[in-house]
Amino acid sequence: MNKEDNHIFLETAIFAAKSAAAVINSSYNTSVKTYKALTDLVTQTDIDSEKKIIELISSKFPDHSFLAEESGKKLKSSNFTWIIDPLDGTTNFVHGYPCYGVSIALMHENETIVGVVVELPMNNIYFATNTSLAYCNDDIIQVSKNKKLINSLLVTGFGYDHGHNWNFNMQLFKKFTDLTQGVRRSGAAAVDLCHTASGKVDGYWEFDVKPWDLAAGALIAKRAGAKLTNLKGEKFSIFDNEILVSNDVIHSEMVNAIHNIS
């Protein structure tokens, strides 16, 4: 693996993400096609976007595998796996709430090497490789320089399963609302990660998230200077179903606040 390979992969991911964004932007089909859970929606646009991404990437790299939100795993012979959320924030899209996007990452063996997120409907393109800085469009992005949790703005999300994690997250929501200048809930994990990476918010946490929610945005945040762990402050993995990310400076305060509840 070298920077030239990464550049080719990045160009492919950006082209596929832009193409999927064009599918979404031109779609008026917001009707719900299926329900994965009572409030977990899938539209025809999700399916069309994912199909477009997989077709474009497969035409360039036919031996690469895929892990995609709607179609699941498609395993091939290589050590490269594309991790795709074709429409992050489907519920927002269905209701016309302007916070959703496309997320594409490439993992080589156990390392994410490319991440691209297109934030819609603004069409901001966030991207990074494991050897580059992080960007939004043509601009280098960095996490915020805020030094204190009390001066921070945070963002979180709530999963579809209203079980133990959901109830605990409600406690965290209240706790962090008391300890910060505010907590937001946007409904699009990949976008939340990019907003953390670009300093729009100072930190983000969430339970019950999937690899396709996290893979691209986590790499972008990391390359922008963010610290990423699980909610105990331990090593982060996109396969662990939870994430805590911050500008690094406030990270220990966030971990301590979570520990004091748990």
C-alpha atoms as a PDB file:
ATOM      1  CA  MET A   1       0.000   0.000   0.000  1.00  0.00           C
ATOM      2  CA  ASN A   2       1.276   3.475  -0.874  1.00  0.00           C
ATOM      3  CA  LYS A   3      -0.014   7.021  -1.278  1.00  0.00           C
ATOM      4  CA  GLU A   4      -0.575   6.519  -5.005  1.00  0.00           C
ATOM      5  CA  ASP A   5      -2.857   3.541  -4.341  1.00  0.00           C
ATOM      6  CA  ASN A   6      -4.715   5.542  -1.705  1.00  0.00           C
ATOM      7  CA  HIS A   7      -5.226   8.388  -4.158  1.00  0.00           C
ATOM      8  CA  ILE A   8      -6.786   6.039  -6.727  1.00  0.00           C
ATOM      9  CA  PHE A   9      -9.058   4.550  -4.075  1.00  0.00           C
ATOM     10  CA  LEU A  10      -9.989   8.029  -2.823  1.00  0.00           C
ATOM     11  CA  GLU A  11     -10.841   9.279  -6.310  1.00  0.00           C
ATOM     12  CA  THR A  12     -13.063   6.234  -6.830  1.00  0.00           C
ATOM     13  CA  ALA A  13     -14.811   6.750  -3.496  1.00  0.00           C
ATOM     14  CA  ILE A  14     -15.420  10.447  -4.153  1.00  0.00           C
ATOM     15  CA  PHE A  15     -16.805   9.733  -7.624  1.00  0.00           C
ATOM     16  CA  ALA A  16     -19.094   6.995  -6.279  1.00  0.00           C
ATOM     17  CA  ALA A  17     -20.275   9.200  -3.392  1.00  0.00           C
ATOM     18  CA  LYS A  18     -20.994  12.134  -5.719  1.00  0.00           C
ATOM     19  CA  SER A  19     -22.893   9.828  -8.060  1.00  0.00           C
ATOM     20  CA  ALA A  20     -24.964   8.459  -5.186  1.00  0.00           C
ATOM     21  CA  ALA A  21     -25.611  12.003  -3.963  1.00  0.00           C
ATOM     22  CA  ALA A  22     -26.905  12.867  -7.433  1.00  0.00           C
ATOM     23  CA  VAL A  23     -29.305   9.907  -7.207  1.00  0.00           C
ATOM     24  CA  ILE A  24     -30.548  11.161  -3.847  1.00  0.00           C
ATOM     25  CA  ASN A  25     -30.775  14.808  -4.892  1.00  0.00           C
ATOM     26  CA  SER A  26     -32.816  13.923  -7.964  1.00  0.00           C
ATOM     27  CA  SER A  27     -35.123  11.527  -6.141  1.00  0.00           C
ATOM     28  CA  TYR A  28     -38.633  12.374  -5.101  1.00  0.00           C
ATOM     29  CA  ASN A  29     -39.282   8.815  -3.991  1.00  0.00           C
ATOM     30  CA  THR A  30     -39.310   9.262  -0.235  1.00  0.00           C
ATOM     31  CA  SER A  31     -42.015   6.657   0.298  1.00  0.00           C
ATOM     32  CA  VAL A  32     -41.009   3.915   2.717  1.00  0.00           C
ATOM     33  CA  LYS A  33     -40.305   0.623   0.974  1.00  0.00           C
ATOM     34  CA  THR A  34     -39.670  -1.557   4.018  1.00  0.00           C
ATOM     35  CA  TYR A  35     -39.164  -1.342   7.760  1.00  0.00           C
ATOM     36  CA  LYS A  36     -36.113  -3.020   9.309  1.00  0.00           C
ATOM     37  CA  ALA A  37     -37.669  -2.129  12.660  1.00  0.00           C
ATOM     38  CA  LEU A  38     -40.702  -0.122  13.761  1.00  0.00           C
ATOM     39  CA  THR A  39     -38.937   3.206  13.081  1.00  0.00           C
ATOM     40  CA  ASP A  40     -35.972   2.002  10.966  1.00  0.00           C
ATOM     41  CA  LEU A  41     -36.939   2.980   7.434  1.00  0.00           C
ATOM     42  CA  VAL A  42     -35.722   1.956   3.981  1.00  0.00           C
ATOM     43  CA  THR A  43     -36.733   3.827   0.831  1.00  0.00           C
ATOM     44  CA  GLN A  44     -36.245   3.036  -2.825  1.00  0.00           C
ATOM     45  CA  THR A  45     -33.697   5.858  -2.813  1.00  0.00           C
ATOM     46  CA  ASP A  46     -31.562   3.950  -0.258  1.00  0.00           C
ATOM     47  CA  ILE A  47     -31.601   0.942  -2.565  1.00  0.00           C
ATOM     48  CA  ASP A  48     -30.903   2.938  -5.750  1.00  0.00           C
ATOM     49  CA  SER A  49     -28.052   4.834  -4.111  1.00  0.00           C
ATOM     50  CA  GLU A  50     -26.413   1.636  -2.853  1.00  0.00           C
ATOM     51  CA  LYS A  51     -26.787  -0.045  -6.231  1.00  0.00           C
ATOM     52  CA  LYS A  52     -25.089   2.898  -7.952  1.00  0.00           C
ATOM     53  CA  ILE A  53     -22.160   2.886  -5.508  1.00  0.00           C
ATOM     54  CA  ILE A  54     -21.549  -0.854  -5.769  1.00  0.00           C
ATOM     55  CA  GLU A  55     -21.805  -0.827  -9.571  1.00  0.00           C
ATOM     56  CA  LEU A  56     -19.270   1.986  -9.910  1.00  0.00           C
ATOM     57  CA  ILE A  57     -16.749   0.563  -7.456  1.00  0.00           C
ATOM     58  CA  SER A  58     -17.107  -3.012  -8.775  1.00  0.00           C
ATOM     59  CA  SER A  59     -16.398  -1.830 -12.303  1.00  0.00           C
ATOM     60  CA  LYS A  60     -13.068  -0.445 -11.073  1.00  0.00           C
ATOM     61  CA  PHE A  61     -12.175  -3.127  -8.508  1.00  0.00           C
ATOM     62  CA  PRO A  62     -14.087  -6.329  -9.348  1.00  0.00           C
ATOM     63  CA  ASP A  63     -12.292  -8.437  -6.720  1.00  0.00           C
ATOM     64  CA  HIS A  64     -13.115  -6.122  -3.779  1.00  0.00           C
ATOM     65  CA  SER A  65     -15.646  -7.075  -1.105  1.00  0.00           C
ATOM     66  CA  PHE A  66     -18.542  -4.988   0.219  1.00  0.00           C
ATOM     67  CA  LEU A  67     -20.277  -4.451   3.537  1.00  0.00           C
ATOM     68  CA  ALA A  68     -23.335  -2.320   2.827  1.00  0.00           C
ATOM     69  CA  GLU A  69     -26.282  -1.311   4.973  1.00  0.00           C
ATOM     70  CA  GLU A  70     -29.051  -2.569   2.694  1.00  0.00           C
ATOM     71  CA  SER A  71     -27.517  -5.564   0.906  1.00  0.00           C
ATOM     72  CA  GLY A  72     -25.170  -6.804   3.627  1.00  0.00           C
ATOM     73  CA  LYS A  73     -21.908  -8.631   2.899  1.00  0.00           C
ATOM     74  CA  LYS A  74     -20.630  -9.462  -0.568  1.00  0.00           C
ATOM     75  CA  LEU A  75     -17.336 -11.283  -0.066  1.00  0.00           C
ATOM     76  CA  LYS A  76     -14.688 -11.543  -2.784  1.00  0.00           C
ATOM     77  CA  SER A  77     -11.110 -12.752  -2.901  1.00  0.00           C
ATOM     78  CA  SER A  78      -9.160  -9.604  -1.985  1.00  0.00           C
ATOM     79  CA  ASN A  79      -8.284  -8.064   1.398  1.00  0.00           C
ATOM     80  CA  PHE A  80     -10.153  -4.863   0.500  1.00  0.00           C
ATOM     81  CA  THR A  81     -13.689  -4.228   1.770  1.00  0.00           C
ATOM     82  CA  TRP A  82     -15.827  -1.199   0.931  1.00  0.00           C
ATOM     83  CA  ILE A  83     -18.147  -0.195   3.777  1.00  0.00           C
ATOM     84  CA  ILE A  84     -21.180   1.724   2.576  1.00  0.00           C
ATOM     85  CA  ASP A  85     -24.102   3.654   3.985  1.00  0.00           C
ATOM     86  CA  PRO A  86     -25.940   4.750   0.843  1.00  0.00           C
ATOM     87  CA  LEU A  87     -28.254   7.148   2.688  1.00  0.00           C
ATOM     88  CA  ASP A  88     -27.252   8.000   6.225  1.00  0.00           C
ATOM     89  CA  GLY A  89     -30.220   9.674   7.907  1.00  0.00           C
ATOM     90  CA  THR A  90     -33.036   8.053   5.950  1.00  0.00           C
ATOM     91  CA  THR A  91     -35.719   9.263   8.355  1.00  0.00           C
ATOM     92  CA  ASN A  92     -34.504  12.845   7.923  1.00  0.00           C
ATOM     93  CA  PHE A  93     -34.605  12.397   4.150  1.00  0.00           C
ATOM     94  CA  VAL A  94     -38.154  11.011   4.247  1.00  0.00           C
ATOM     95  CA  HIS A  95     -39.368  14.012   6.250  1.00  0.00           C
ATOM     96  CA  GLY A  96     -37.402  16.605   4.310  1.00  0.00           C
ATOM     97  CA  TYR A  97     -35.214  17.439   7.315  1.00  0.00           C
ATOM     98  CA  PRO A  98     -31.937  18.749   5.855  1.00  0.00           C
ATOM     99  CA  CYS A  99     -29.398  16.455   7.502  1.00  0.00           C
ATOM    100  CA  TYR A 100     -28.440  13.243   5.690  1.00  0.00           C
ATOM    101  CA  GLY A 101     -25.665  11.980   3.465  1.00  0.00           C
ATOM    102  CA  VAL A 102     -23.649   9.270   1.754  1.00  0.00           C
ATOM    103  CA  SER A 103     -20.828   7.432   3.527  1.00  0.00           C
ATOM    104  CA  ILE A 104     -18.172   5.300   1.803  1.00  0.00           C
ATOM    105  CA  ALA A 105     -15.056   3.816   3.410  1.00  0.00           C
ATOM    106  CA  LEU A 106     -12.435   1.355   2.254  1.00  0.00           C
ATOM    107  CA  MET A 107     -10.872  -1.070   4.703  1.00  0.00           C
ATOM    108  CA  HIS A 108      -7.672  -2.967   3.904  1.00  0.00           C
ATOM    109  CA  GLU A 109      -7.445  -5.979   6.189  1.00  0.00           C
ATOM    110  CA  ASN A 110      -8.278  -4.351   9.573  1.00  0.00           C
ATOM    111  CA  GLU A 111      -7.444  -0.728   8.770  1.00  0.00           C
ATOM    112  CA  THR A 112      -9.705   1.915   7.254  1.00  0.00           C
ATOM    113  CA  ILE A 113      -7.619   3.620   4.575  1.00  0.00           C
ATOM    114  CA  VAL A 114     -10.177   5.855   2.799  1.00  0.00           C
ATOM    115  CA  GLY A 115     -13.221   7.724   4.063  1.00  0.00           C
ATOM    116  CA  VAL A 116     -15.655   9.923   2.137  1.00  0.00           C
ATOM    117  CA  VAL A 117     -18.879  11.492   3.379  1.00  0.00           C
ATOM    118  CA  VAL A 118     -21.111  13.724   1.272  1.00  0.00           C
ATOM    119  CA  GLU A 119     -23.280  15.883   3.521  1.00  0.00           C
ATOM    120  CA  LEU A 120     -26.668  16.560   1.947  1.00  0.00           C
ATOM    121  CA  PRO A 121     -28.462  18.602   0.854  1.00  0.00           C
ATOM    122  CA  MET A 122     -25.491  21.015   1.175  1.00  0.00           C
ATOM    123  CA  ASN A 123     -23.258  18.783  -0.992  1.00  0.00           C
ATOM    124  CA  ASN A 124     -20.240  19.243   1.291  1.00  0.00           C
ATOM    125  CA  ILE A 125     -17.661  16.543   0.569  1.00  0.00           C
ATOM    126  CA  TYR A 126     -15.598  15.429   3.571  1.00  0.00           C
ATOM    127  CA  PHE A 127     -12.709  13.063   2.929  1.00  0.00           C
ATOM    128  CA  ALA A 128      -9.420  11.666   4.195  1.00  0.00           C
ATOM    129  CA  THR A 129      -7.042   8.766   3.770  1.00  0.00           C
ATOM    130  CA  ASN A 130      -4.964   7.112   6.466  1.00  0.00           C
ATOM    131  CA  THR A 131      -1.925   9.062   5.202  1.00  0.00           C
ATOM    132  CA  SER A 132      -3.519  12.482   4.592  1.00  0.00           C
ATOM    133  CA  LEU A 133      -5.034  15.397   6.420  1.00  0.00           C
ATOM    134  CA  ALA A 134      -8.838  15.700   6.534  1.00  0.00           C
ATOM    135  CA  TYR A 135     -10.716  17.942   4.136  1.00  0.00           C
ATOM    136  CA  CYS A 136     -14.106  19.474   3.499  1.00  0.00           C
ATOM    137  CA  ASN A 137     -14.266  20.305  -0.180  1.00  0.00           C
ATOM    138  CA  ASP A 138     -10.906  22.052  -0.798  1.00  0.00           C
ATOM    139  CA  ASP A 139     -10.283  23.135   2.792  1.00  0.00           C
ATOM    140  CA  ILE A 140      -8.262  21.366   5.464  1.00  0.00           C
ATOM    141  CA  ILE A 141     -10.377  20.751   8.558  1.00  0.00           C
ATOM    142  CA  GLN A 142      -9.420  20.306  12.197  1.00  0.00           C
ATOM    143  CA  VAL A 143     -11.219  19.588  15.422  1.00  0.00           C
ATOM    144  CA  SER A 144     -12.097  22.461  17.731  1.00  0.00           C
ATOM    145  CA  LYS A 145      -9.619  23.974  20.167  1.00  0.00           C
ATOM    146  CA  ASN A 146     -12.153  24.235  22.973  1.00  0.00           C
ATOM    147  CA  LYS A 147     -10.438  23.310  26.250  1.00  0.00           C
ATOM    148  CA  LYS A 148     -13.362  22.838  28.633  1.00  0.00           C
ATOM    149  CA  LEU A 149     -16.459  20.650  28.570  1.00  0.00           C
ATOM    150  CA  ILE A 150     -18.563  23.458  30.074  1.00  0.00           C
ATOM    151  CA  ASN A 151     -17.890  25.544  26.940  1.00  0.00           C
ATOM    152  CA  SER A 152     -18.640  22.712  24.540  1.00  0.00           C
ATOM    153  CA  LEU A 153     -21.410  21.800  22.119  1.00  0.00           C
ATOM    154  CA  LEU A 154     -21.961  18.057  21.764  1.00  0.00           C
ATOM    155  CA  VAL A 155     -24.012  15.838  19.485  1.00  0.00           C
ATOM    156  CA  THR A 156     -25.415  12.351  19.954  1.00  0.00           C
ATOM    157  CA  GLY A 157     -27.841   9.882  18.449  1.00  0.00           C
ATOM    158  CA  PHE A 158     -30.404   7.351  19.640  1.00  0.00           C
ATOM    159  CA  GLY A 159     -30.724   3.835  18.270  1.00  0.00           C
ATOM    160  CA  TYR A 160     -33.898   2.123  17.147  1.00  0.00           C
ATOM    161  CA  ASP A 161     -33.876  -0.417  19.986  1.00  0.00           C
ATOM    162  CA  HIS A 162     -35.381   1.245  23.063  1.00  0.00           C
ATOM    163  CA  GLY A 163     -33.640  -1.054  25.524  1.00  0.00           C
ATOM    164  CA  HIS A 164     -30.907  -0.622  28.132  1.00  0.00           C
ATOM    165  CA  ASN A 165     -28.543   1.412  25.951  1.00  0.00           C
ATOM    166  CA  TRP A 166     -31.331   3.772  24.911  1.00  0.00           C
ATOM    167  CA  ASN A 167     -32.331   4.372  28.522  1.00  0.00           C
ATOM    168  CA  PHE A 168     -28.725   4.893  29.586  1.00  0.00           C
ATOM    169  CA  ASN A 169     -28.223   7.324  26.711  1.00  0.00           C
ATOM    170  CA  MET A 170     -31.190   9.357  27.940  1.00  0.00           C
ATOM    171  CA  GLN A 171     -29.327   9.722  31.240  1.00  0.00           C
ATOM    172  CA  LEU A 172     -26.186  10.770  29.377  1.00  0.00           C
ATOM    173  CA  PHE A 173     -28.174  13.267  27.331  1.00  0.00           C
ATOM    174  CA  LYS A 174     -29.415  14.917  30.501  1.00  0.00           C
ATOM    175  CA  LYS A 175     -25.987  14.769  32.150  1.00  0.00           C
ATOM    176  CA  PHE A 176     -24.167  16.347  29.214  1.00  0.00           C
ATOM    177  CA  THR A 177     -26.881  18.970  28.820  1.00  0.00           C
ATOM    178  CA  ASP A 178     -26.063  20.017  32.393  1.00  0.00           C
ATOM    179  CA  LEU A 179     -22.299  19.966  31.800  1.00  0.00           C
ATOM    180  CA  THR A 180     -22.093  21.758  28.419  1.00  0.00           C
ATOM    181  CA  GLN A 181     -23.594  24.607  26.442  1.00  0.00           C
ATOM    182  CA  GLY A 182     -25.863  22.145  24.676  1.00  0.00           C
ATOM    183  CA  VAL A 183     -26.403  18.723  23.117  1.00  0.00           C
ATOM    184  CA  ARG A 184     -27.824  18.209  19.628  1.00  0.00           C
ATOM    185  CA  ARG A 185     -29.375  15.150  17.989  1.00  0.00           C
ATOM    186  CA  SER A 186     -29.086  15.327  14.199  1.00  0.00           C
ATOM    187  CA  GLY A 187     -30.052  11.791  13.168  1.00  0.00           C
ATOM    188  CA  ALA A 188     -27.075  11.111  10.868  1.00  0.00           C
ATOM    189  CA  ALA A 189     -23.997   9.544  12.462  1.00  0.00           C
ATOM    190  CA  ALA A 190     -21.616  10.094   9.539  1.00  0.00           C
ATOM    191  CA  VAL A 191     -22.552  13.770   9.452  1.00  0.00           C
ATOM    192  CA  ASP A 192     -22.085  14.034  13.236  1.00  0.00           C
ATOM    193  CA  LEU A 193     -18.559  12.677  12.888  1.00  0.00           C
ATOM    194  CA  CYS A 194     -17.748  15.162  10.140  1.00  0.00           C
ATOM    195  CA  HIS A 195     -19.130  18.021  12.213  1.00  0.00           C
ATOM    196  CA  THR A 196     -16.832  16.925  15.033  1.00  0.00           C
ATOM    197  CA  ALA A 197     -13.914  16.678  12.613  1.00  0.00           C
ATOM    198  CA  SER A 198     -14.508  20.211  11.353  1.00  0.00           C
ATOM    199  CA  GLY A 199     -14.985  21.775  14.787  1.00  0.00           C
ATOM    200  CA  LYS A 200     -18.678  22.565  14.405  1.00  0.00           C
ATOM    201  CA  VAL A 201     -19.234  20.499  17.542  1.00  0.00           C
ATOM    202  CA  ASP A 202     -16.667  19.499  20.145  1.00  0.00           C
ATOM    203  CA  GLY A 203     -17.676  15.904  20.746  1.00  0.00           C
ATOM    204  CA  TYR A 204     -20.022  13.082  19.789  1.00  0.00           C
ATOM    205  CA  TRP A 205     -21.109   9.818  21.363  1.00  0.00           C
ATOM    206  CA  GLU A 206     -23.581   7.115  20.424  1.00  0.00           C
ATOM    207  CA  PHE A 207     -24.638   3.532  21.166  1.00  0.00           C
ATOM    208  CA  ASP A 208     -25.940   0.879  18.776  1.00  0.00           C
ATOM    209  CA  VAL A 209     -24.141   2.155  15.693  1.00  0.00           C
ATOM    210  CA  LYS A 210     -23.018  -0.048  12.815  1.00  0.00           C
ATOM    211  CA  PRO A 211     -19.749  -0.165  10.846  1.00  0.00           C
ATOM    212  CA  TRP A 212     -21.320   1.642   7.890  1.00  0.00           C
ATOM    213  CA  ASP A 213     -22.426   4.455  10.212  1.00  0.00           C
ATOM    214  CA  LEU A 214     -18.882   4.966  11.503  1.00  0.00           C
ATOM    215  CA  ALA A 215     -16.163   3.804   9.116  1.00  0.00           C
ATOM    216  CA  ALA A 216     -15.751   6.829   6.855  1.00  0.00           C
ATOM    217  CA  GLY A 217     -16.526   9.538   9.396  1.00  0.00           C
ATOM    218  CA  ALA A 218     -14.283   7.990  12.043  1.00  0.00           C
ATOM    219  CA  LEU A 219     -11.269   8.095   9.726  1.00  0.00           C
ATOM    220  CA  ILE A 220     -12.034  11.688   8.745  1.00  0.00           C
ATOM    221  CA  ALA A 221     -12.330  12.681  12.408  1.00  0.00           C
ATOM    222  CA  LYS A 222      -9.095  10.888  13.307  1.00  0.00           C
ATOM    223  CA  ARG A 223      -7.156  12.609  10.538  1.00  0.00           C
ATOM    224  CA  ALA A 224      -8.612  15.944  11.690  1.00  0.00           C
ATOM    225  CA  GLY A 225      -7.085  15.422  15.128  1.00  0.00           C
ATOM    226  CA  ALA A 226      -9.954  13.811  17.025  1.00  0.00           C
ATOM    227  CA  LYS A 227      -9.590  11.213  19.733  1.00  0.00           C
ATOM    228  CA  LEU A 228     -11.778   8.138  19.287  1.00  0.00           C
ATOM    229  CA  THR A 229     -12.525   5.509  21.927  1.00  0.00           C
ATOM    230  CA  ASN A 230     -15.396   3.423  23.162  1.00  0.00           C
ATOM    231  CA  LEU A 231     -17.521   4.944  25.919  1.00  0.00           C
ATOM    232  CA  LYS A 232     -15.159   3.614  28.595  1.00  0.00           C
ATOM    233  CA  GLY A 233     -12.237   5.459  27.028  1.00  0.00           C
ATOM    234  CA  GLU A 234     -10.770   2.238  25.633  1.00  0.00           C
ATOM    235  CA  LYS A 235      -9.582   1.352  22.134  1.00  0.00           C
ATOM    236  CA  PHE A 236     -12.114   2.133  19.396  1.00  0.00           C
ATOM    237  CA  SER A 237     -13.307  -0.255  16.699  1.00  0.00           C
ATOM    238  CA  ILE A 238     -16.002   0.363  14.109  1.00  0.00           C
ATOM    239  CA  PHE A 239     -17.346  -3.105  14.967  1.00  0.00           C
ATOM    240  CA  ASP A 240     -17.973  -2.386  18.667  1.00  0.00           C
ATOM    241  CA  ASN A 241     -21.377  -0.681  18.197  1.00  0.00           C
ATOM    242  CA  GLU A 242     -20.444   2.378  20.264  1.00  0.00           C
ATOM    243  CA  ILE A 243     -18.270   5.457  19.915  1.00  0.00           C
ATOM    244  CA  LEU A 244     -16.961   8.437  21.831  1.00  0.00           C
ATOM    245  CA  VAL A 245     -15.113  11.072  19.807  1.00  0.00           C
ATOM    246  CA  SER A 246     -13.915  14.518  20.786  1.00  0.00           C
ATOM    247  CA  ASN A 247     -11.348  17.196  20.095  1.00  0.00           C
ATOM    248  CA  ASP A 248      -9.099  15.209  22.491  1.00  0.00           C
ATOM    249  CA  VAL A 249      -8.818  18.032  25.059  1.00  0.00           C
ATOM    250  CA  ILE A 250     -12.272  17.384  26.594  1.00  0.00           C
ATOM    251  CA  HIS A 251     -12.153  13.618  26.156  1.00  0.00           C
ATOM    252  CA  SER A 252     -11.229  12.709  29.726  1.00  0.00           C
ATOM    253  CA  GLU A 253     -14.020  14.946  31.051  1.00  0.00           C
ATOM    254  CA  MET A 254     -16.521  13.150  28.832  1.00  0.00           C
ATOM    255  CA  VAL A 255     -15.268   9.706  29.899  1.00  0.00           C
ATOM    256  CA  ASN A 256     -15.469  10.701  33.560  1.00  0.00           C
ATOM    257  CA  ALA A 257     -19.025  11.990  33.140  1.00  0.00           C
ATOM    258  CA  ILE A 258     -20.070   8.694  31.557  1.00  0.00           C
ATOM    259  CA  HIS A 259     -18.295   6.681  34.268  1.00  0.00           C
ATOM    260  CA  ASN A 260     -20.042   8.636  37.021  1.00  0.00           C
ATOM    261  CA  ILE A 261     -23.418   7.514  35.655  1.00  0.00           C
ATOM    262  CA  SER A 262     -22.546   3.923  34.832  1.00  0.00           C
END
